[in-house]
Amino acid sequence: MGAGHLGHGGPLRTGDEHQAGAGRVGQCRDGLRVDGALAVQAGQRAQGFLAKLGITTSYVMVNTYLYSVYGQSGGERHIDDAAIAAYRHRWFDAVVAENPIEAIVTFGHLAKEASDQWKATPTGAASTVPIVSLLHPTYPDSASRAQGPNHISKADAMKRLCDDWNIGLTKLAPVVTPDAAVPLVPYGVTITPAEDAVIPALDLYDRDWPIWTYAAITPPAKFVHDLDGRRGLGVSSLISGGCIVSGSSLHHTLLCNNVHVHSFGEIDRAIILPFVEVGRHARLSQVIVDAGVRIPAGLVVGEDPAHDAARFRRTERGVCLITQPMIDRLDG
């Protein structure tokens, strides 16, 4: 089982630490930190690993977690969460039941733990699919940043990753069926740019890449008011069904279903999860808003880094995570 998107037979985008199980390989990854560059690089390395086996389309990717906004530490805290594990096991069971899986690959120790937990279930115990556990694609980056006795140079960490992945290639090559026959070329002491796969741009409107997920039955999105200073509009944004944008402007923003944005607000570079209500005169920039949050009128986020960090979880790149408990503390 693996990272990226479950059940798509195509190039890996990004994701959490994962397992891969191919219609041949299944992949599973655990947590990446919130860092676009690292996420993309992890995808390129993992996709390049599969390419060395001749696997280009016949695989399934499953994240250990639905998404990672809390980073590796969040993954560590929730690895034994029974509800998350039960949900994840349902995906694993479905993948094995509906696909001729020949091997499972785990990237990272959280993914291995997720795989071990699944093997303890009736379906997992009955499965005879071989499981190959490997270091995470970002291991050289995380290991070289570690302090104390666990510190290792990035060059040494990269060599360790390559040695580990070469063992994985040796184990997988005899058991997986390639999409295209290729000679098995092991890694050297590092992963070269030529060994990183090119990650294509994701086109949500590409009919050849259907979205296999739950779709809420909602009314169309609605934009209301057309007055200077109170105009409902969205520019370079994705607005889901059931949303109401009432006299506010959105730029480079994703609204999930049933979000209500009240008047006189400005939202830029935001991801807002379902059933959020944004009060009047709110200004939000570079935020991720958790589901069901009630943003109070006049809240400003994204303009004062120090103030943002004191109230919300803020990444090095200036992205703020906003949850309802964080909002509730503002009134405390």
Protein backbone atom coordinates (compact mmCIF):
# COMPACT_ATOMS: atom_id res chain seq x y z
CA MET A 1 0.00 0.00 0.00
CA GLY A 2 1.43 3.47 -0.64
CA ALA A 3 1.30 7.24 -0.63
CA GLY A 4 -0.38 9.72 -2.77
CA HIS A 5 -3.82 8.65 -3.96
CA LEU A 6 -5.57 5.41 -3.21
CA GLY A 7 -6.63 3.34 -6.14
CA HIS A 8 -5.22 5.37 -8.96
CA GLY A 9 -3.07 3.66 -11.51
CA GLY A 10 -0.72 6.47 -12.33
CA PRO A 11 2.08 8.70 -11.13
CA LEU A 12 2.49 9.44 -7.47
CA ARG A 13 1.80 13.03 -6.47
CA THR A 14 2.43 13.66 -2.77
CA GLY A 15 1.27 12.31 0.56
CA ASP A 16 1.99 10.92 4.01
CA GLU A 17 4.21 7.98 4.84
CA HIS A 18 2.66 5.19 2.90
CA GLN A 19 2.41 1.68 1.67
CA ALA A 20 2.19 0.63 -1.92
CA GLY A 21 0.51 -2.47 -3.23
CA ALA A 22 0.86 -2.98 -6.89
CA GLY A 23 -1.98 -4.35 -8.90
CA ARG A 24 1.19 -5.54 -8.54
CA VAL A 25 2.72 -3.27 -5.93
CA GLY A 26 1.03 -1.61 -3.00
CA GLN A 27 2.76 1.24 -1.21
CA CYS A 28 2.31 2.88 2.13
CA ARG A 29 4.04 5.97 3.54
CA ASP A 30 3.93 7.69 6.89
CA GLY A 31 4.17 11.40 7.71
CA LEU A 32 5.92 14.14 5.80
CA ARG A 33 6.27 17.55 7.35
CA VAL A 34 4.30 20.38 5.79
CA ASP A 35 6.85 21.31 3.17
CA GLY A 36 5.93 21.27 -0.50
CA ALA A 37 9.48 20.80 -1.75
CA LEU A 38 10.07 17.73 0.41
CA ALA A 39 6.69 16.25 -0.46
CA VAL A 40 7.37 16.56 -4.17
CA GLN A 41 10.88 15.14 -3.78
CA ALA A 42 9.53 12.18 -1.81
CA GLY A 43 7.08 11.47 -4.60
CA GLN A 44 9.78 11.69 -7.24
CA ARG A 45 12.03 9.29 -5.37
CA ALA A 46 9.27 6.77 -4.63
CA GLN A 47 8.00 6.88 -8.19
CA GLY A 48 11.57 6.45 -9.44
CA PHE A 49 11.96 3.38 -7.21
CA LEU A 50 8.91 1.76 -8.81
CA ALA A 51 10.18 2.69 -12.27
CA LYS A 52 13.33 0.65 -11.64
CA LEU A 53 11.00 -2.36 -11.33
CA GLY A 54 9.19 -1.42 -14.53
CA ILE A 55 6.09 -0.40 -12.54
CA THR A 56 4.56 2.72 -14.07
CA THR A 57 0.78 2.31 -13.71
CA SER A 58 -0.06 -0.96 -11.95
CA TYR A 59 0.05 0.06 -8.32
CA VAL A 60 -2.11 1.43 -5.54
CA MET A 61 -1.02 4.07 -3.04
CA VAL A 62 -2.49 4.30 0.48
CA ASN A 63 -1.55 6.96 3.01
CA THR A 64 -1.00 5.91 6.59
CA TYR A 65 -2.96 9.05 7.45
CA LEU A 66 -5.60 10.88 5.44
CA TYR A 67 -3.44 14.02 5.47
CA SER A 68 -0.53 15.34 7.46
CA VAL A 69 -0.86 18.85 8.84
CA TYR A 70 0.76 18.05 12.20
CA GLY A 71 3.95 16.59 10.74
CA GLN A 72 5.85 13.57 11.94
CA SER A 73 5.11 14.20 15.61
CA GLY A 74 1.38 14.04 14.88
CA GLY A 75 1.87 10.70 13.18
CA GLU A 76 3.72 9.37 16.20
CA ARG A 77 0.90 10.47 18.52
CA HIS A 78 -1.86 8.89 16.46
CA ILE A 79 -0.28 5.65 15.24
CA ASP A 80 -2.19 3.68 17.90
CA ASP A 81 -5.49 5.53 17.38
CA ALA A 82 -8.01 2.68 17.09
CA ALA A 83 -10.51 4.64 14.98
CA ILE A 84 -7.85 5.72 12.47
CA ALA A 85 -6.47 2.19 12.28
CA ALA A 86 -9.92 0.69 11.71
CA TYR A 87 -10.60 3.15 8.88
CA ARG A 88 -7.19 2.45 7.34
CA HIS A 89 -7.75 -1.33 7.58
CA ARG A 90 -10.93 -0.99 5.53
CA TRP A 91 -8.89 0.53 2.70
CA PHE A 92 -6.24 -2.17 2.94
CA ASP A 93 -8.92 -4.90 2.96
CA ALA A 94 -10.57 -3.41 -0.12
CA VAL A 95 -7.28 -3.13 -2.00
CA VAL A 96 -6.38 -6.75 -1.33
CA ALA A 97 -9.90 -8.00 -2.10
CA GLU A 98 -10.27 -6.18 -5.41
CA ASN A 99 -6.74 -6.27 -6.87
CA PRO A 100 -4.22 -9.02 -7.69
CA ILE A 101 -1.62 -7.63 -5.29
CA GLU A 102 1.81 -9.20 -5.74
CA ALA A 103 3.75 -7.21 -3.13
CA ILE A 104 3.38 -4.54 -0.48
CA VAL A 105 6.05 -1.89 0.09
CA THR A 106 6.15 0.33 3.16
CA PHE A 107 8.16 3.55 3.25
CA GLY A 108 9.02 4.74 6.75
CA HIS A 109 8.52 3.27 10.22
CA LEU A 110 4.97 4.58 10.69
CA ALA A 111 3.95 2.86 7.48
CA LYS A 112 5.57 -0.34 8.70
CA GLU A 113 3.67 -0.04 11.96
CA ALA A 114 0.42 0.48 10.02
CA SER A 115 1.20 -2.62 7.99
CA ASP A 116 1.97 -4.63 11.12
CA GLN A 117 -1.34 -3.54 12.65
CA TRP A 118 -3.20 -4.65 9.53
CA LYS A 119 -1.40 -8.02 9.58
CA ALA A 120 -2.88 -8.56 13.05
CA THR A 121 -6.42 -8.36 11.59
CA PRO A 122 -8.20 -11.41 10.12
CA THR A 123 -7.78 -10.19 6.54
CA GLY A 124 -4.17 -9.22 7.06
CA ALA A 125 -3.32 -12.50 8.74
CA ALA A 126 -4.86 -14.42 5.84
CA SER A 127 -2.86 -12.50 3.25
CA THR A 128 0.23 -14.19 1.84
CA VAL A 129 1.39 -11.10 -0.07
CA PRO A 130 5.06 -10.38 0.71
CA ILE A 131 5.77 -7.12 2.53
CA VAL A 132 9.01 -5.20 1.98
CA SER A 133 9.73 -2.41 4.48
CA LEU A 134 12.05 0.39 3.36
CA LEU A 135 13.39 3.69 4.62
CA HIS A 136 11.27 6.73 3.84
CA PRO A 137 12.27 8.73 0.73
CA THR A 138 13.05 11.75 2.91
CA TYR A 139 15.28 9.79 5.30
CA PRO A 140 18.49 11.56 4.14
CA ASP A 141 16.91 14.94 4.88
CA SER A 142 15.52 14.05 8.32
CA ALA A 143 18.54 12.00 9.44
CA SER A 144 21.02 14.73 8.52
CA ARG A 145 19.02 17.27 10.54
CA ALA A 146 18.97 15.08 13.66
CA GLN A 147 20.99 16.25 16.65
CA GLY A 148 23.11 14.16 19.01
CA PRO A 149 24.11 10.50 18.53
CA ASN A 150 21.62 9.95 15.71
CA HIS A 151 23.19 12.61 13.51
CA ILE A 152 24.57 11.45 10.19
CA SER A 153 25.85 13.40 7.21
CA LYS A 154 23.44 13.76 4.34
CA ALA A 155 25.83 11.93 1.99
CA ASP A 156 26.08 8.97 4.39
CA ALA A 157 22.32 8.99 4.94
CA MET A 158 21.72 8.99 1.18
CA LYS A 159 24.05 6.01 0.77
CA ARG A 160 22.20 4.20 3.54
CA LEU A 161 18.90 4.89 1.75
CA CYS A 162 20.29 3.63 -1.56
CA ASP A 163 21.67 0.46 0.05
CA ASP A 164 18.30 -0.18 1.72
CA TRP A 165 16.35 0.41 -1.50
CA ASN A 166 18.72 -1.85 -3.46
CA ILE A 167 17.86 -4.66 -1.06
CA GLY A 168 14.21 -3.88 -1.67
CA LEU A 169 14.69 -4.02 -5.44
CA THR A 170 16.33 -7.41 -5.12
CA LYS A 171 13.41 -8.75 -3.07
CA LEU A 172 10.69 -7.27 -5.29
CA ALA A 173 12.05 -7.94 -8.78
CA PRO A 174 11.32 -11.70 -8.72
CA VAL A 175 7.74 -11.30 -7.48
CA VAL A 176 6.24 -8.31 -9.31
CA THR A 177 5.12 -8.18 -12.92
CA PRO A 178 6.45 -5.05 -14.65
CA ASP A 179 4.30 -2.87 -16.89
CA ALA A 180 7.32 -2.68 -19.17
CA ALA A 181 10.40 -4.89 -19.02
CA VAL A 182 13.46 -2.93 -17.91
CA PRO A 183 16.92 -4.04 -16.76
CA LEU A 184 17.29 -3.92 -12.98
CA VAL A 185 19.79 -1.13 -12.37
CA PRO A 186 20.65 -0.63 -8.69
CA TYR A 187 21.26 2.73 -7.07
CA GLY A 188 24.79 3.99 -6.52
CA VAL A 189 25.78 6.03 -3.47
CA THR A 190 23.10 8.65 -4.16
CA ILE A 191 19.88 9.12 -6.11
CA THR A 192 20.68 10.99 -9.29
CA PRO A 193 18.29 13.48 -10.94
CA ALA A 194 17.73 10.94 -13.72
CA GLU A 195 16.46 8.45 -11.12
CA ASP A 196 13.84 10.89 -9.83
CA ALA A 197 10.55 10.49 -11.67
CA VAL A 198 8.89 13.47 -13.29
CA ILE A 199 5.64 14.20 -11.47
CA PRO A 200 2.97 15.39 -13.92
CA ALA A 201 0.64 18.23 -13.04
CA LEU A 202 -2.67 17.11 -11.55
CA ASP A 203 -5.69 18.09 -13.65
CA LEU A 204 -8.90 17.66 -11.66
CA TYR A 205 -10.88 18.03 -14.88
CA ASP A 206 -9.09 15.24 -16.76
CA ARG A 207 -11.80 12.65 -17.51
CA ASP A 208 -9.13 9.97 -17.87
CA TRP A 209 -8.29 10.42 -14.16
CA PRO A 210 -11.67 9.98 -12.43
CA ILE A 211 -12.00 10.99 -8.79
CA TRP A 212 -12.96 7.89 -6.83
CA THR A 213 -14.21 9.39 -3.61
CA TYR A 214 -17.39 10.29 -1.76
CA ALA A 215 -19.37 13.11 -3.36
CA ALA A 216 -21.80 15.09 -1.22
CA ILE A 217 -25.21 15.85 -2.71
CA THR A 218 -25.34 19.63 -2.38
CA PRO A 219 -26.80 22.63 -4.19
CA PRO A 220 -24.46 24.58 -6.48
CA ALA A 221 -22.09 27.15 -4.99
CA LYS A 222 -23.62 30.62 -4.78
CA PHE A 223 -22.01 34.06 -5.03
CA VAL A 224 -24.13 36.98 -3.88
CA HIS A 225 -23.92 40.80 -3.72
CA ASP A 226 -22.42 43.00 -6.41
CA LEU A 227 -21.59 46.29 -4.76
CA ASP A 228 -18.27 48.12 -4.48
CA GLY A 229 -16.60 46.75 -1.36
CA ARG A 230 -19.20 43.98 -1.05
CA ARG A 231 -18.90 41.76 -4.09
CA GLY A 232 -19.00 37.98 -3.96
CA LEU A 233 -16.25 36.69 -6.26
CA GLY A 234 -13.64 34.01 -6.62
CA VAL A 235 -10.48 34.32 -8.74
CA SER A 236 -8.24 31.32 -9.49
CA SER A 237 -10.17 29.40 -6.86
CA LEU A 238 -12.09 26.12 -6.48
CA ILE A 239 -15.48 26.42 -4.80
CA SER A 240 -17.34 23.23 -3.87
CA GLY A 241 -21.06 22.60 -3.78
CA GLY A 242 -23.14 24.03 -0.98
CA CYS A 243 -20.85 27.05 -0.50
CA ILE A 244 -22.13 30.60 -0.18
CA VAL A 245 -19.75 33.47 -0.84
CA SER A 246 -21.64 36.51 0.35
CA GLY A 247 -19.95 39.77 -0.57
CA SER A 248 -16.35 38.63 -0.02
CA SER A 249 -13.44 38.06 -2.39
CA LEU A 250 -11.46 34.82 -2.74
CA HIS A 251 -8.11 34.44 -4.49
CA HIS A 252 -6.15 31.19 -4.99
CA THR A 253 -8.44 29.47 -2.50
CA LEU A 254 -10.11 26.08 -2.13
CA LEU A 255 -13.47 25.93 -0.36
CA CYS A 256 -14.67 22.44 0.49
CA ASN A 257 -18.40 21.76 0.60
CA ASN A 258 -20.87 23.80 2.64
CA VAL A 259 -18.60 26.71 3.57
CA HIS A 260 -20.29 30.06 4.22
CA VAL A 261 -18.19 33.21 3.82
CA HIS A 262 -19.95 36.33 5.07
CA SER A 263 -19.56 39.83 3.65
CA PHE A 264 -16.69 42.33 3.50
CA GLY A 265 -13.98 39.69 3.83
CA GLU A 266 -10.81 38.85 1.90
CA ILE A 267 -9.41 35.33 1.62
CA ASP A 268 -6.17 34.56 -0.20
CA ARG A 269 -4.23 31.26 -0.61
CA ALA A 270 -6.45 29.31 1.74
CA ILE A 271 -7.75 25.76 2.10
CA ILE A 272 -11.01 25.74 4.02
CA LEU A 273 -12.49 22.38 4.98
CA PRO A 274 -16.24 21.58 5.06
CA PHE A 275 -18.88 23.36 7.13
CA VAL A 276 -16.71 26.34 8.06
CA GLU A 277 -18.37 29.70 8.65
CA VAL A 278 -16.28 32.84 8.12
CA GLY A 279 -17.57 35.96 9.83
CA ARG A 280 -17.81 39.45 8.33
CA HIS A 281 -14.70 41.55 7.74
CA ALA A 282 -12.35 38.57 8.17
CA ARG A 283 -9.01 38.70 6.35
CA LEU A 284 -7.32 35.32 5.94
CA SER A 285 -4.10 34.65 4.01
CA GLN A 286 -2.09 31.42 3.79
CA VAL A 287 -4.33 29.42 6.09
CA ILE A 288 -5.72 25.91 6.43
CA VAL A 289 -9.01 25.98 8.34
CA ASP A 290 -10.21 22.76 9.93
CA ALA A 291 -13.73 21.43 9.33
CA GLY A 292 -16.57 23.04 11.23
CA VAL A 293 -14.58 26.02 12.48
CA ARG A 294 -16.42 29.28 13.17
CA ILE A 295 -14.13 32.16 12.18
CA PRO A 296 -15.18 35.20 14.22
CA ALA A 297 -15.98 38.51 12.57
CA GLY A 298 -12.95 40.70 11.98
CA LEU A 299 -10.32 37.97 12.46
CA VAL A 300 -7.06 38.79 10.65
CA VAL A 301 -4.53 36.02 9.94
CA GLY A 302 -1.52 36.15 7.65
CA GLU A 303 -0.42 39.74 8.14
CA ASP A 304 1.54 39.60 11.43
CA PRO A 305 3.79 36.50 11.72
CA ALA A 306 4.52 36.89 15.42
CA HIS A 307 0.87 37.42 16.30
CA ASP A 308 -0.15 34.46 14.12
CA ALA A 309 2.39 32.15 15.75
CA ALA A 310 1.14 33.09 19.21
CA ARG A 311 -2.43 32.13 18.35
CA PHE A 312 -2.21 29.36 15.74
CA ARG A 313 0.10 26.63 14.48
CA ARG A 314 2.34 28.38 11.95
CA THR A 315 4.86 26.65 9.66
CA GLU A 316 8.24 28.01 8.63
CA ARG A 317 6.70 29.01 5.31
CA GLY A 318 4.04 31.09 7.02
CA VAL A 319 1.05 28.75 6.61
CA CYS A 320 -1.30 28.84 9.61
CA LEU A 321 -3.47 25.93 10.74
CA ILE A 322 -6.68 27.10 12.40
CA THR A 323 -8.79 24.73 14.51
CA GLN A 324 -11.85 25.39 16.67
CA PRO A 325 -9.97 24.97 20.00
CA MET A 326 -7.51 27.63 18.80
CA ILE A 327 -10.42 29.95 18.05
CA ASP A 328 -12.04 29.20 21.41
CA ARG A 329 -8.82 30.20 23.20
CA LEU A 330 -9.02 33.64 21.58
CA ASP A 331 -12.09 34.33 23.71
CA GLY A 332 -10.51 32.95 26.88
